[in-house]
Amino acid sequence: MTTNNGGPAFPCDHLVDDDGVSLSSGMTLRDYFAAKAMQGDISRVGYYQREEHMLTAAKNAYAMADAMLRAREIT
């Protein structure tokens, strides 16, 4: 199963090769959504002192990003 990454978050038309393939698509929309979710979580909790807490927060951020991508398909 392939994870829906939403494609590029900030695509640039002008950065393509001769075949029209993007040379620099940057971060994916999934990564962008996860970063925003993580930012919100950190602002609520503060910061994490233990690595396992950071890993759990990161997994939760990607779960939220996946939910946001699914919601885009529904609406």
N, C-alpha and C. Protein backbone atom coordinates (compact mmCIF):
# COMPACT_ATOMS: atom_id res chain seq x y z
N MET A 1 0.83 -1.17 0.00
CA MET A 1 0.00 0.00 0.00
C MET A 1 0.88 1.24 0.00
N THR A 2 0.56 2.19 -0.85
CA THR A 2 1.30 3.43 -0.93
C THR A 2 0.60 4.50 -0.11
N THR A 3 1.36 5.23 0.68
CA THR A 3 0.80 6.31 1.49
C THR A 3 0.54 7.51 0.60
N ASN A 4 -0.64 8.09 0.71
CA ASN A 4 -0.97 9.31 -0.03
C ASN A 4 -0.18 10.44 0.60
N ASN A 5 0.76 11.03 -0.15
CA ASN A 5 1.55 12.12 0.40
C ASN A 5 1.00 13.48 -0.01
N GLY A 6 -0.06 13.50 -0.81
CA GLY A 6 -0.70 14.76 -1.20
C GLY A 6 0.02 15.50 -2.30
N GLY A 7 1.14 14.99 -2.75
CA GLY A 7 1.92 15.71 -3.77
C GLY A 7 2.73 16.83 -3.13
N PRO A 8 3.35 17.66 -3.96
CA PRO A 8 4.17 18.74 -3.43
C PRO A 8 3.33 19.78 -2.68
N ALA A 9 3.85 20.28 -1.57
CA ALA A 9 3.15 21.31 -0.80
C ALA A 9 3.23 22.66 -1.50
N PHE A 10 4.35 22.94 -2.11
CA PHE A 10 4.57 24.23 -2.77
C PHE A 10 5.20 24.00 -4.14
N PRO A 11 4.42 23.48 -5.10
CA PRO A 11 4.99 23.16 -6.41
C PRO A 11 5.45 24.41 -7.15
N CYS A 12 6.49 24.21 -7.96
CA CYS A 12 7.02 25.29 -8.79
C CYS A 12 7.06 24.81 -10.23
N ASP A 13 6.29 25.44 -11.10
CA ASP A 13 6.22 25.03 -12.50
C ASP A 13 7.54 25.23 -13.24
N HIS A 14 8.28 26.22 -12.86
CA HIS A 14 9.46 26.59 -13.64
C HIS A 14 10.67 25.70 -13.40
N LEU A 15 10.62 24.79 -12.45
CA LEU A 15 11.74 23.92 -12.16
C LEU A 15 11.50 22.52 -12.72
N VAL A 16 11.49 22.40 -14.05
CA VAL A 16 11.27 21.12 -14.71
C VAL A 16 12.39 20.82 -15.69
N ASP A 17 12.62 19.54 -15.94
CA ASP A 17 13.62 19.17 -16.93
C ASP A 17 13.00 19.19 -18.33
N ASP A 18 13.74 18.76 -19.33
CA ASP A 18 13.27 18.81 -20.72
C ASP A 18 12.04 17.93 -20.95
N ASP A 19 11.84 16.92 -20.09
CA ASP A 19 10.68 16.03 -20.23
C ASP A 19 9.48 16.51 -19.41
N GLY A 20 9.62 17.65 -18.74
CA GLY A 20 8.53 18.19 -17.94
C GLY A 20 8.45 17.61 -16.54
N VAL A 21 9.50 16.89 -16.12
CA VAL A 21 9.53 16.30 -14.79
C VAL A 21 10.09 17.33 -13.80
N SER A 22 9.41 17.47 -12.67
CA SER A 22 9.83 18.44 -11.66
C SER A 22 11.22 18.10 -11.14
N LEU A 23 12.06 19.12 -11.05
CA LEU A 23 13.40 18.93 -10.52
C LEU A 23 13.46 19.18 -9.01
N SER A 24 12.53 19.92 -8.50
CA SER A 24 12.53 20.24 -7.08
C SER A 24 11.10 20.44 -6.61
N SER A 25 10.50 19.38 -6.10
CA SER A 25 9.12 19.50 -5.65
C SER A 25 9.04 19.89 -4.18
N GLY A 26 10.16 19.86 -3.47
CA GLY A 26 10.14 20.26 -2.06
C GLY A 26 9.44 19.26 -1.19
N MET A 27 8.95 19.73 -0.06
CA MET A 27 8.29 18.83 0.88
C MET A 27 6.91 18.44 0.36
N THR A 28 6.43 17.31 0.83
CA THR A 28 5.11 16.87 0.43
C THR A 28 4.06 17.56 1.28
N LEU A 29 2.84 17.55 0.80
CA LEU A 29 1.75 18.13 1.55
C LEU A 29 1.56 17.37 2.87
N ARG A 30 1.79 16.07 2.84
CA ARG A 30 1.69 15.26 4.07
C ARG A 30 2.69 15.74 5.11
N ASP A 31 3.94 15.97 4.67
CA ASP A 31 4.96 16.47 5.60
C ASP A 31 4.58 17.85 6.13
N TYR A 32 4.05 18.69 5.28
CA TYR A 32 3.64 20.04 5.69
C TYR A 32 2.53 19.97 6.73
N PHE A 33 1.51 19.14 6.45
CA PHE A 33 0.42 18.97 7.41
C PHE A 33 0.94 18.43 8.74
N ALA A 34 1.85 17.44 8.67
CA ALA A 34 2.40 16.85 9.89
C ALA A 34 3.18 17.89 10.69
N ALA A 35 3.94 18.73 10.00
CA ALA A 35 4.70 19.77 10.68
C ALA A 35 3.77 20.74 11.40
N LYS A 36 2.67 21.09 10.75
CA LYS A 36 1.70 22.00 11.38
C LYS A 36 1.04 21.34 12.58
N ALA A 37 0.70 20.06 12.45
CA ALA A 37 0.10 19.34 13.58
C ALA A 37 1.08 19.25 14.74
N MET A 38 2.34 18.97 14.42
CA MET A 38 3.37 18.88 15.46
C MET A 38 3.56 20.23 16.15
N GLN A 39 3.54 21.29 15.37
CA GLN A 39 3.70 22.64 15.93
C GLN A 39 2.59 22.94 16.93
N GLY A 40 1.37 22.58 16.56
CA GLY A 40 0.25 22.78 17.46
C GLY A 40 0.39 21.96 18.73
N ASP A 41 0.84 20.73 18.60
CA ASP A 41 0.99 19.86 19.76
C ASP A 41 2.07 20.40 20.69
N ILE A 42 3.18 20.83 20.12
CA ILE A 42 4.28 21.35 20.94
C ILE A 42 3.85 22.64 21.65
N SER A 43 3.07 23.47 20.98
CA SER A 43 2.64 24.72 21.62
C SER A 43 1.69 24.44 22.79
N ARG A 44 0.99 23.32 22.71
CA ARG A 44 0.06 22.94 23.78
C ARG A 44 0.80 22.28 24.94
N VAL A 45 1.73 21.39 24.61
CA VAL A 45 2.41 20.58 25.62
C VAL A 45 3.67 21.27 26.15
N GLY A 46 4.32 22.05 25.34
CA GLY A 46 5.62 22.62 25.68
C GLY A 46 6.67 21.90 24.86
N TYR A 47 7.59 21.25 25.48
CA TYR A 47 8.57 20.47 24.75
C TYR A 47 8.69 19.10 25.37
N TYR A 48 9.29 18.19 24.63
CA TYR A 48 9.39 16.81 25.08
C TYR A 48 10.82 16.53 25.52
N GLN A 49 10.96 15.96 26.70
CA GLN A 49 12.29 15.67 27.22
C GLN A 49 12.76 14.26 26.86
N ARG A 50 11.83 13.37 26.62
CA ARG A 50 12.21 11.98 26.36
C ARG A 50 11.96 11.64 24.91
N GLU A 51 12.88 10.87 24.33
CA GLU A 51 12.79 10.52 22.91
C GLU A 51 11.52 9.75 22.58
N GLU A 52 11.08 8.86 23.46
CA GLU A 52 9.87 8.09 23.16
C GLU A 52 8.64 9.00 23.09
N HIS A 53 8.65 10.08 23.87
CA HIS A 53 7.54 11.04 23.79
C HIS A 53 7.59 11.80 22.46
N MET A 54 8.80 12.14 22.01
CA MET A 54 8.95 12.82 20.72
C MET A 54 8.47 11.92 19.58
N LEU A 55 8.83 10.64 19.65
CA LEU A 55 8.43 9.70 18.62
C LEU A 55 6.91 9.53 18.59
N THR A 56 6.30 9.44 19.75
CA THR A 56 4.84 9.34 19.81
C THR A 56 4.19 10.59 19.24
N ALA A 57 4.72 11.75 19.57
CA ALA A 57 4.17 13.01 19.05
C ALA A 57 4.31 13.06 17.53
N ALA A 58 5.44 12.61 17.00
CA ALA A 58 5.65 12.61 15.55
C ALA A 58 4.69 11.65 14.86
N LYS A 59 4.49 10.46 15.44
CA LYS A 59 3.53 9.51 14.87
C LYS A 59 2.12 10.09 14.87
N ASN A 60 1.77 10.75 15.98
CA ASN A 60 0.44 11.38 16.06
C ASN A 60 0.30 12.49 15.02
N ALA A 61 1.36 13.24 14.78
CA ALA A 61 1.32 14.32 13.79
C ALA A 61 1.07 13.75 12.39
N TYR A 62 1.73 12.64 12.06
CA TYR A 62 1.50 12.02 10.74
C TYR A 62 0.11 11.40 10.66
N ALA A 63 -0.40 10.89 11.76
CA ALA A 63 -1.77 10.37 11.76
C ALA A 63 -2.75 11.50 11.47
N MET A 64 -2.51 12.66 12.06
CA MET A 64 -3.36 13.83 11.80
C MET A 64 -3.21 14.27 10.34
N ALA A 65 -2.00 14.27 9.83
CA ALA A 65 -1.77 14.64 8.43
C ALA A 65 -2.52 13.68 7.50
N ASP A 66 -2.47 12.39 7.79
CA ASP A 66 -3.18 11.42 6.96
C ASP A 66 -4.69 11.66 7.01
N ALA A 67 -5.20 12.02 8.18
CA ALA A 67 -6.63 12.33 8.31
C ALA A 67 -6.98 13.57 7.50
N MET A 68 -6.11 14.57 7.52
CA MET A 68 -6.37 15.78 6.74
C MET A 68 -6.38 15.48 5.24
N LEU A 69 -5.47 14.62 4.80
CA LEU A 69 -5.45 14.24 3.38
C LEU A 69 -6.71 13.48 3.01
N ARG A 70 -7.17 12.59 3.88
CA ARG A 70 -8.40 11.85 3.61
C ARG A 70 -9.60 12.81 3.56
N ALA A 71 -9.61 13.78 4.46
CA ALA A 71 -10.71 14.76 4.48
C ALA A 71 -10.75 15.57 3.18
N ARG A 72 -9.63 15.82 2.58
CA ARG A 72 -9.59 16.55 1.32
C ARG A 72 -10.27 15.74 0.20
N GLU A 73 -10.18 14.40 0.28
CA GLU A 73 -10.80 13.54 -0.72
C GLU A 73 -12.32 13.50 -0.56
N ILE A 74 -12.80 13.69 0.64
CA ILE A 74 -14.23 13.60 0.94
C ILE A 74 -14.95 14.88 0.56
N THR A 75 -14.31 16.01 0.77
CA THR A 75 -14.99 17.30 0.53
C THR A 75 -14.77 17.81 -0.86
